N, C-alpha and C. Protein backbone atom coordinates (compact mmCIF):
# COMPACT_ATOMS: atom_id res chain seq x y z
N MET A 1 12.18 -27.08 -25.43
CA MET A 1 13.11 -27.03 -24.90
C MET A 1 13.02 -27.35 -23.99
N GLY A 2 12.24 -27.12 -22.80
CA GLY A 2 12.07 -27.13 -21.21
C GLY A 2 11.34 -29.38 -21.57
N VAL A 3 10.09 -29.51 -22.09
CA VAL A 3 10.32 -30.89 -22.50
C VAL A 3 12.09 -32.15 -23.06
N ARG A 4 12.71 -31.11 -23.25
CA ARG A 4 13.77 -32.31 -23.59
C ARG A 4 14.51 -32.08 -22.13
N SER A 5 14.33 -31.08 -21.46
CA SER A 5 15.20 -30.95 -20.51
C SER A 5 14.38 -31.91 -18.98
N PHE A 6 13.12 -31.98 -19.25
CA PHE A 6 12.43 -32.90 -18.07
C PHE A 6 12.05 -34.33 -18.98
N ALA A 7 12.59 -34.46 -20.11
CA ALA A 7 13.13 -36.05 -20.07
C ALA A 7 14.74 -36.19 -19.98
N TYR A 8 15.48 -35.72 -19.74
CA TYR A 8 16.81 -35.78 -19.35
C TYR A 8 16.96 -35.74 -17.67
N PHE A 9 16.33 -35.04 -17.28
CA PHE A 9 16.09 -35.25 -15.86
C PHE A 9 15.40 -36.56 -15.62
N ASN A 10 14.97 -37.15 -16.29
CA ASN A 10 13.81 -37.76 -15.56
C ASN A 10 14.72 -39.62 -15.93
N ILE A 11 15.39 -39.36 -16.81
CA ILE A 11 16.84 -40.32 -17.12
C ILE A 11 17.05 -40.08 -16.17
N CYS A 12 18.35 -39.24 -15.41
CA CYS A 12 19.18 -38.86 -14.73
C CYS A 12 18.45 -39.20 -13.16
N LEU A 13 17.45 -39.59 -13.32
CA LEU A 13 16.43 -39.62 -11.97
C LEU A 13 16.10 -38.15 -11.25
N ILE A 14 16.53 -36.60 -11.25
CA ILE A 14 16.87 -35.77 -10.80
C ILE A 14 15.49 -35.28 -10.92
N GLU A 15 14.75 -34.92 -9.48
CA GLU A 15 13.66 -34.34 -9.48
C GLU A 15 14.03 -32.69 -8.61
N HIS A 16 12.96 -32.44 -9.63
CA HIS A 16 13.07 -30.51 -9.78
C HIS A 16 11.91 -29.81 -8.89
N ALA A 17 11.08 -30.58 -8.39
CA ALA A 17 9.89 -29.73 -8.48
C ALA A 17 9.63 -29.25 -7.01
N THR A 18 10.70 -28.96 -6.68
CA THR A 18 10.81 -28.40 -4.96
C THR A 18 10.09 -27.48 -5.58
N ASP A 19 11.02 -26.89 -6.18
CA ASP A 19 11.41 -24.94 -7.05
C ASP A 19 11.18 -24.87 -8.47
N LEU A 20 10.13 -25.64 -8.87
CA LEU A 20 9.87 -25.25 -10.29
C LEU A 20 8.70 -24.35 -10.44
N HIS A 21 8.92 -23.24 -11.15
CA HIS A 21 8.27 -21.87 -11.03
C HIS A 21 8.01 -21.35 -12.16
N VAL A 22 7.39 -20.22 -12.68
CA VAL A 22 7.92 -19.24 -13.48
C VAL A 22 9.14 -18.24 -13.01
N GLY A 23 9.31 -18.38 -12.30
CA GLY A 23 11.05 -17.28 -11.42
C GLY A 23 12.20 -18.51 -11.70
N ASN A 24 11.90 -19.74 -12.17
CA ASN A 24 13.15 -20.31 -12.64
C ASN A 24 13.57 -21.02 -13.52
N ILE A 25 12.46 -20.02 -14.76
CA ILE A 25 12.58 -20.49 -16.25
C ILE A 25 13.23 -19.19 -16.70
N LEU A 26 14.40 -19.59 -17.23
CA LEU A 26 15.00 -18.20 -18.15
C LEU A 26 14.03 -18.05 -20.39
N PHE A 27 14.46 -17.82 -20.49
CA PHE A 27 14.07 -16.89 -22.15
C PHE A 27 15.06 -16.60 -23.05
N HIS A 28 15.98 -16.60 -24.02
CA HIS A 28 17.29 -16.14 -24.30
C HIS A 28 16.60 -15.90 -25.15
N SER A 29 16.52 -15.04 -26.20
CA SER A 29 16.23 -14.60 -27.28
C SER A 29 17.22 -13.89 -28.20
N SER A 30 18.20 -13.91 -29.42
CA SER A 30 18.53 -13.59 -30.03
C SER A 30 18.19 -11.80 -30.39
N SER A 31 16.84 -12.10 -30.66
CA SER A 31 15.63 -10.49 -30.69
C SER A 31 16.35 -9.44 -29.76
N ILE A 32 15.91 -9.83 -28.27
CA ILE A 32 17.29 -9.34 -27.29
C ILE A 32 17.97 -9.34 -26.59
N ALA A 33 18.85 -9.89 -27.04
CA ALA A 33 20.38 -9.80 -26.84
C ALA A 33 21.09 -8.87 -28.55
N SER A 34 20.54 -8.95 -28.78
CA SER A 34 21.08 -7.74 -30.75
C SER A 34 20.53 -5.64 -30.31
N TRP A 35 19.50 -5.88 -28.95
CA TRP A 35 19.38 -4.48 -28.53
C TRP A 35 20.68 -4.03 -27.90
N SER A 36 21.09 -2.74 -28.37
CA SER A 36 22.15 -2.04 -27.91
C SER A 36 21.62 -0.31 -27.17
N SER A 37 20.16 -0.16 -27.30
CA SER A 37 19.80 1.08 -26.71
C SER A 37 19.01 0.80 -25.50
N GLN A 38 19.30 2.16 -24.81
CA GLN A 38 17.78 1.86 -23.64
C GLN A 38 16.67 2.42 -24.17
N GLU A 39 16.52 2.54 -25.07
CA GLU A 39 15.34 3.18 -26.08
C GLU A 39 14.84 1.24 -26.36
N GLU A 40 15.72 0.70 -26.68
CA GLU A 40 15.02 -0.29 -27.20
C GLU A 40 14.36 -0.79 -26.48
N VAL A 41 14.87 -1.00 -25.52
CA VAL A 41 14.65 -1.65 -23.39
C VAL A 41 13.06 -1.07 -23.54
N TYR A 42 13.20 -0.49 -23.24
CA TYR A 42 11.83 0.42 -22.82
C TYR A 42 10.69 0.21 -23.38
N GLN A 43 11.46 0.36 -24.77
CA GLN A 43 9.59 -0.01 -26.18
C GLN A 43 8.95 -1.45 -25.62
N TYR A 44 9.74 -2.38 -24.65
CA TYR A 44 8.88 -3.75 -24.53
C TYR A 44 8.97 -3.53 -22.35
N LEU A 45 9.32 -3.05 -22.31
CA LEU A 45 9.49 -3.62 -20.44
C LEU A 45 9.25 -1.50 -19.47
N GLU A 46 8.82 -0.91 -20.98
CA GLU A 46 8.26 0.33 -20.64
C GLU A 46 9.75 1.10 -19.51
N PRO A 47 9.75 2.55 -19.09
CA PRO A 47 11.14 3.51 -18.33
C PRO A 47 10.48 3.11 -16.77
N PRO A 48 11.23 2.69 -15.81
CA PRO A 48 10.82 2.00 -14.13
C PRO A 48 10.08 3.91 -13.64
N ARG A 49 9.06 2.49 -13.35
CA ARG A 49 8.35 3.79 -12.44
C ARG A 49 9.00 4.28 -11.15
N ARG A 50 8.87 5.13 -10.47
CA ARG A 50 8.92 5.31 -9.54
C ARG A 50 8.55 5.46 -8.35
N TYR A 51 8.59 5.05 -7.01
CA TYR A 51 7.41 5.81 -6.02
C TYR A 51 8.51 5.82 -4.76
N ASN A 52 7.54 6.72 -4.67
CA ASN A 52 8.41 7.58 -3.02
C ASN A 52 8.20 7.38 -1.75
N VAL A 53 8.93 7.01 -1.45
CA VAL A 53 8.99 6.35 0.19
C VAL A 53 8.69 6.90 1.12
N HIS A 54 7.62 7.31 1.89
CA HIS A 54 7.22 7.90 2.71
C HIS A 54 7.68 7.61 4.08
N GLN A 55 8.58 7.77 5.34
CA GLN A 55 8.00 7.00 6.91
C GLN A 55 7.86 7.85 7.99
N GLY A 56 6.73 7.06 8.27
CA GLY A 56 6.48 7.91 9.95
C GLY A 56 7.63 8.54 10.74
N GLU A 57 6.99 8.16 12.12
CA GLU A 57 8.29 9.29 12.58
C GLU A 57 8.89 8.18 13.23
N THR A 58 10.37 7.97 13.94
CA THR A 58 10.64 6.68 15.01
C THR A 58 11.35 7.55 16.04
N LYS A 59 11.26 6.96 16.50
CA LYS A 59 11.88 8.01 17.82
C LYS A 59 13.83 7.07 18.68
N GLU A 60 13.69 5.96 18.34
CA GLU A 60 14.48 5.02 18.16
C GLU A 60 15.81 4.77 16.93
N PRO A 61 16.41 4.70 16.84
CA PRO A 61 17.06 3.94 15.80
C PRO A 61 16.88 2.65 15.63
N GLY A 62 17.08 1.99 14.14
CA GLY A 62 16.35 0.82 14.36
C GLY A 62 16.19 0.67 13.13
N PRO A 63 15.52 -0.43 12.55
CA PRO A 63 15.44 -1.01 11.10
C PRO A 63 14.79 0.36 10.03
N LEU A 64 13.73 1.07 10.90
CA LEU A 64 13.47 1.74 10.04
C LEU A 64 13.45 3.46 10.61
N SER A 65 15.13 3.23 11.13
CA SER A 65 15.67 5.00 10.61
C SER A 65 16.36 5.31 9.56
N PRO A 66 15.71 6.38 8.92
CA PRO A 66 15.60 7.41 7.38
C PRO A 66 17.09 6.40 7.10
N HIS A 67 17.98 6.21 7.71
CA HIS A 67 18.61 6.22 6.54
C HIS A 67 19.05 4.85 6.46
N CYS A 68 18.36 3.70 6.88
CA CYS A 68 17.96 2.27 6.31
C CYS A 68 16.85 2.77 4.83
N VAL A 69 16.04 3.51 5.84
CA VAL A 69 15.14 3.71 4.86
C VAL A 69 15.46 3.89 2.99
N PRO A 70 15.29 3.87 1.91
CA PRO A 70 15.54 4.48 0.52
C PRO A 70 14.54 4.86 0.52
N GLU A 71 14.80 6.23 -0.64
CA GLU A 71 14.36 6.62 -1.08
C GLU A 71 13.12 6.75 -2.12
N CYS A 72 13.17 5.75 -2.97
CA CYS A 72 12.38 5.27 -3.55
C CYS A 72 12.19 4.21 -3.81
N ILE A 73 11.13 3.46 -4.35
CA ILE A 73 11.72 2.29 -5.11
C ILE A 73 11.32 1.67 -6.15
N VAL A 74 11.06 0.74 -7.54
CA VAL A 74 11.11 0.96 -8.56
C VAL A 74 10.03 -0.27 -9.32
N GLY A 75 9.21 0.14 -9.61
CA GLY A 75 7.73 -0.89 -9.42
C GLY A 75 7.63 -1.91 -10.55
N THR A 76 8.15 -2.84 -11.04
CA THR A 76 8.10 -4.14 -11.38
C THR A 76 7.09 -4.40 -12.79
N PRO A 77 8.07 -3.95 -14.15
CA PRO A 77 7.21 -3.55 -15.17
C PRO A 77 6.31 -5.31 -15.67
N ASP A 78 5.18 -4.53 -16.06
CA ASP A 78 4.29 -5.91 -16.90
C ASP A 78 5.20 -6.98 -18.48
N PRO A 79 5.21 -8.08 -17.82
CA PRO A 79 6.88 -8.33 -19.11
C PRO A 79 5.66 -9.30 -20.24
N THR A 80 4.40 -8.63 -20.47
CA THR A 80 3.52 -8.98 -21.65
C THR A 80 4.08 -8.97 -22.69
N SER A 81 4.86 -7.34 -23.60
CA SER A 81 4.85 -7.46 -24.47
C SER A 81 6.54 -8.03 -24.86
N LEU A 82 7.25 -8.48 -23.47
CA LEU A 82 8.81 -8.71 -24.00
C LEU A 82 8.37 -10.45 -24.04
N LEU A 83 6.83 -11.35 -23.83
CA LEU A 83 6.94 -12.25 -23.87
C LEU A 83 6.66 -13.08 -25.10
N LYS A 84 5.90 -11.82 -25.49
CA LYS A 84 4.96 -11.67 -26.81
C LYS A 84 6.32 -12.15 -28.12
N LEU A 85 7.48 -10.87 -27.39
CA LEU A 85 8.66 -10.75 -28.60
C LEU A 85 9.10 -11.72 -28.56
N CYS A 86 9.38 -12.83 -27.23
CA CYS A 86 10.71 -13.80 -26.85
C CYS A 86 9.82 -15.51 -28.45
N LEU A 87 8.60 -14.85 -27.85
CA LEU A 87 7.44 -16.31 -28.79
C LEU A 87 7.02 -15.67 -29.46
N SER A 88 7.34 -14.88 -30.71
CA SER A 88 6.79 -14.74 -31.56
C SER A 88 8.10 -14.80 -32.75
N ASN A 89 9.60 -15.29 -32.55
CA ASN A 89 10.39 -16.46 -33.13
C ASN A 89 10.55 -17.89 -32.39
N PRO A 90 10.28 -18.45 -32.77
CA PRO A 90 10.15 -19.55 -31.49
C PRO A 90 11.57 -20.17 -31.82
N THR A 91 12.30 -20.01 -33.30
CA THR A 91 13.59 -20.64 -33.55
C THR A 91 14.43 -19.70 -33.26
N GLN A 92 14.44 -18.51 -32.83
CA GLN A 92 15.76 -17.78 -31.71
C GLN A 92 15.60 -17.92 -30.54
N LEU A 93 14.78 -18.74 -29.67
CA LEU A 93 13.60 -18.86 -28.49
C LEU A 93 15.09 -20.34 -27.92
N ASN A 94 15.56 -20.11 -26.43
CA ASN A 94 16.20 -20.70 -26.40
C ASN A 94 15.88 -20.55 -24.52
N ILE A 95 14.81 -21.97 -24.13
CA ILE A 95 14.44 -21.81 -22.36
C ILE A 95 14.95 -22.56 -21.92
N ARG A 96 15.89 -22.42 -20.54
CA ARG A 96 16.70 -22.62 -20.03
C ARG A 96 16.00 -23.13 -18.44
N ILE A 97 16.05 -23.56 -17.57
CA ILE A 97 15.63 -24.35 -16.45
C ILE A 97 16.56 -23.77 -15.37
N CYS A 98 16.17 -23.30 -14.56
CA CYS A 98 17.88 -22.64 -14.03
C CYS A 98 17.34 -22.74 -12.14
N ASP A 99 18.05 -22.80 -11.41
CA ASP A 99 17.95 -22.89 -9.50
C ASP A 99 17.73 -24.65 -9.39
N PHE A 100 18.98 -25.55 -8.99
CA PHE A 100 18.54 -26.72 -8.78
C PHE A 100 18.91 -26.36 -7.33
N SER A 101 18.97 -26.02 -6.35
CA SER A 101 19.58 -25.65 -4.82
C SER A 101 18.31 -26.88 -4.30
N GLU A 102 17.41 -26.74 -4.61
CA GLU A 102 16.12 -27.61 -3.44
C GLU A 102 16.13 -28.71 -4.90
N ALA A 103 16.83 -29.22 -5.37
CA ALA A 103 16.49 -30.55 -6.57
C ALA A 103 17.20 -31.62 -5.92
N PHE A 104 16.71 -32.76 -6.23
CA PHE A 104 17.23 -33.69 -5.59
C PHE A 104 17.07 -35.32 -6.10
N ILE A 105 17.43 -36.01 -6.09
CA ILE A 105 18.05 -37.07 -7.05
C ILE A 105 16.50 -38.27 -6.11
N TYR A 106 15.17 -38.55 -7.35
CA TYR A 106 14.14 -39.27 -6.72
C TYR A 106 15.15 -40.28 -6.95
N ILE A 107 14.37 -41.43 -5.32
CA ILE A 107 14.51 -42.64 -5.10
C ILE A 107 12.90 -42.78 -4.87
N PRO A 108 12.27 -43.57 -5.52
CA PRO A 108 10.74 -44.09 -5.62
C PRO A 108 10.58 -44.75 -3.89
N GLY A 109 9.28 -43.88 -3.46
CA GLY A 109 9.45 -44.28 -1.74
C GLY A 109 9.55 -43.54 -0.28
N ILE A 110 10.62 -42.47 -0.65
CA ILE A 110 11.61 -41.53 -0.09
C ILE A 110 10.50 -40.18 -0.29
N ASN A 111 10.26 -39.78 1.06
CA ASN A 111 9.05 -38.21 0.85
C ASN A 111 10.11 -37.19 0.92
N HIS A 112 10.29 -36.32 0.09
CA HIS A 112 11.09 -35.48 0.46
C HIS A 112 10.63 -34.16 0.53
N LYS A 113 10.40 -33.20 1.37
CA LYS A 113 9.54 -32.58 1.76
C LYS A 113 10.27 -31.35 1.05
N VAL A 114 9.22 -30.84 0.21
CA VAL A 114 9.52 -29.99 -0.73
C VAL A 114 8.69 -28.84 -0.28
N TYR A 115 8.58 -27.47 -0.89
CA TYR A 115 8.78 -26.43 -1.08
C TYR A 115 7.72 -25.10 -1.96
N THR A 116 6.83 -26.16 -2.88
CA THR A 116 7.40 -25.51 -3.82
C THR A 116 5.54 -24.76 -3.83
N PRO A 117 5.64 -23.49 -4.85
CA PRO A 117 3.95 -22.59 -4.08
C PRO A 117 3.38 -23.63 -4.35
N ALA A 118 1.93 -23.50 -3.31
CA ALA A 118 1.02 -24.07 -3.89
C ALA A 118 0.29 -24.04 -5.63
N VAL A 119 0.77 -23.09 -6.03
CA VAL A 119 -0.25 -22.86 -7.64
C VAL A 119 0.72 -24.00 -8.10
N TYR A 120 1.96 -24.41 -8.03
CA TYR A 120 2.55 -25.62 -8.93
C TYR A 120 2.85 -26.34 -8.58
N SER A 121 2.30 -27.28 -7.54
CA SER A 121 2.12 -28.20 -6.58
C SER A 121 1.26 -28.93 -7.44
N ALA A 122 1.91 -29.87 -7.43
CA ALA A 122 0.91 -31.33 -7.26
C ALA A 122 0.23 -32.01 -6.44
N PRO A 123 -0.80 -32.44 -7.00
CA PRO A 123 -1.86 -32.93 -5.86
C PRO A 123 -0.54 -34.16 -4.97
N GLU A 124 -0.41 -34.90 -5.32
CA GLU A 124 0.66 -35.18 -4.25
C GLU A 124 1.63 -34.52 -3.00
N ILE A 125 1.94 -33.32 -4.01
CA ILE A 125 3.31 -32.65 -2.59
C ILE A 125 2.55 -31.68 -1.74
N LEU A 126 0.74 -31.55 -2.55
CA LEU A 126 -0.10 -31.02 -1.62
C LEU A 126 -0.82 -31.99 -0.50
N LEU A 127 -0.47 -32.82 -0.72
CA LEU A 127 -1.47 -34.19 -0.17
C LEU A 127 -0.31 -34.82 1.12
N ASP A 128 1.06 -34.62 1.19
CA ASP A 128 2.05 -34.36 1.48
C ASP A 128 2.44 -35.72 1.60
N ASP A 129 2.73 -36.53 0.04
CA ASP A 129 3.06 -37.18 -0.25
C ASP A 129 4.29 -37.70 -0.68
N CYS A 130 4.46 -38.50 -1.40
CA CYS A 130 6.41 -38.43 -2.13
C CYS A 130 5.59 -38.01 -3.71
N PRO A 131 6.90 -37.18 -3.55
CA PRO A 131 6.60 -36.08 -4.82
C PRO A 131 7.58 -37.37 -5.90
N SER A 132 7.85 -37.57 -7.14
CA SER A 132 8.16 -38.18 -8.41
C SER A 132 8.64 -37.07 -9.40
N PRO A 133 9.09 -37.61 -10.57
CA PRO A 133 8.84 -36.92 -11.72
C PRO A 133 7.68 -36.84 -12.35
N ALA A 134 7.09 -37.93 -11.59
CA ALA A 134 5.04 -37.21 -12.36
C ALA A 134 5.07 -35.39 -11.71
N SER A 135 5.67 -35.56 -10.87
CA SER A 135 5.28 -34.13 -10.23
C SER A 135 5.60 -32.32 -11.36
N ASP A 136 6.85 -33.24 -11.94
CA ASP A 136 7.72 -31.84 -12.69
C ASP A 136 6.78 -32.24 -13.63
N VAL A 137 5.97 -32.88 -13.94
CA VAL A 137 5.06 -32.76 -15.30
C VAL A 137 4.02 -32.20 -15.31
N TRP A 138 3.68 -31.81 -13.49
CA TRP A 138 2.24 -31.61 -13.43
C TRP A 138 2.99 -29.37 -13.13
N ALA A 139 3.63 -29.23 -12.97
CA ALA A 139 4.65 -28.41 -12.43
C ALA A 139 5.06 -27.34 -14.17
N PHE A 140 5.26 -28.43 -14.68
CA PHE A 140 5.65 -27.64 -16.00
C PHE A 140 4.00 -27.44 -17.22
N ALA A 141 3.58 -28.90 -16.66
CA ALA A 141 1.69 -28.11 -17.59
C ALA A 141 1.49 -26.97 -16.75
N VAL A 142 1.64 -26.41 -15.55
CA VAL A 142 0.77 -25.61 -15.13
C VAL A 142 1.97 -24.60 -15.33
N LEU A 143 3.11 -24.27 -16.05
CA LEU A 143 3.84 -23.14 -16.27
C LEU A 143 3.01 -22.70 -17.69
N LEU A 144 2.98 -23.80 -18.76
CA LEU A 144 2.73 -23.81 -19.59
C LEU A 144 0.76 -23.38 -20.21
């Protein structure tokens, strides 16, 4: 599905390389959509882990004053088992690309400043050269 999206972007000359990374890929599976209980969610994402926040002494009110600090934070779960579930039945999986806030229309020779995380950046972006639809192909390949 992602490949079809990129083919469509290429036809429309839409360049998404400025913000293509794992955070902008959405998965939807009917296996997950059918969940109806908290236990089913915890089976794949585990219960939230809470970490208490301890604050040192402050003398003046400000961003670290006690009423501005959360009581605890919740850690990010390991998504591995959820991804395995999504990928276990490809016929039930829908993949969507989101967040086009930094996308632009590709015009050869125009150098758009891009802010792609380095790990997903094509060589031309790292070398501050003009991004192209090939930059999206590179970022997509890194995601795979």
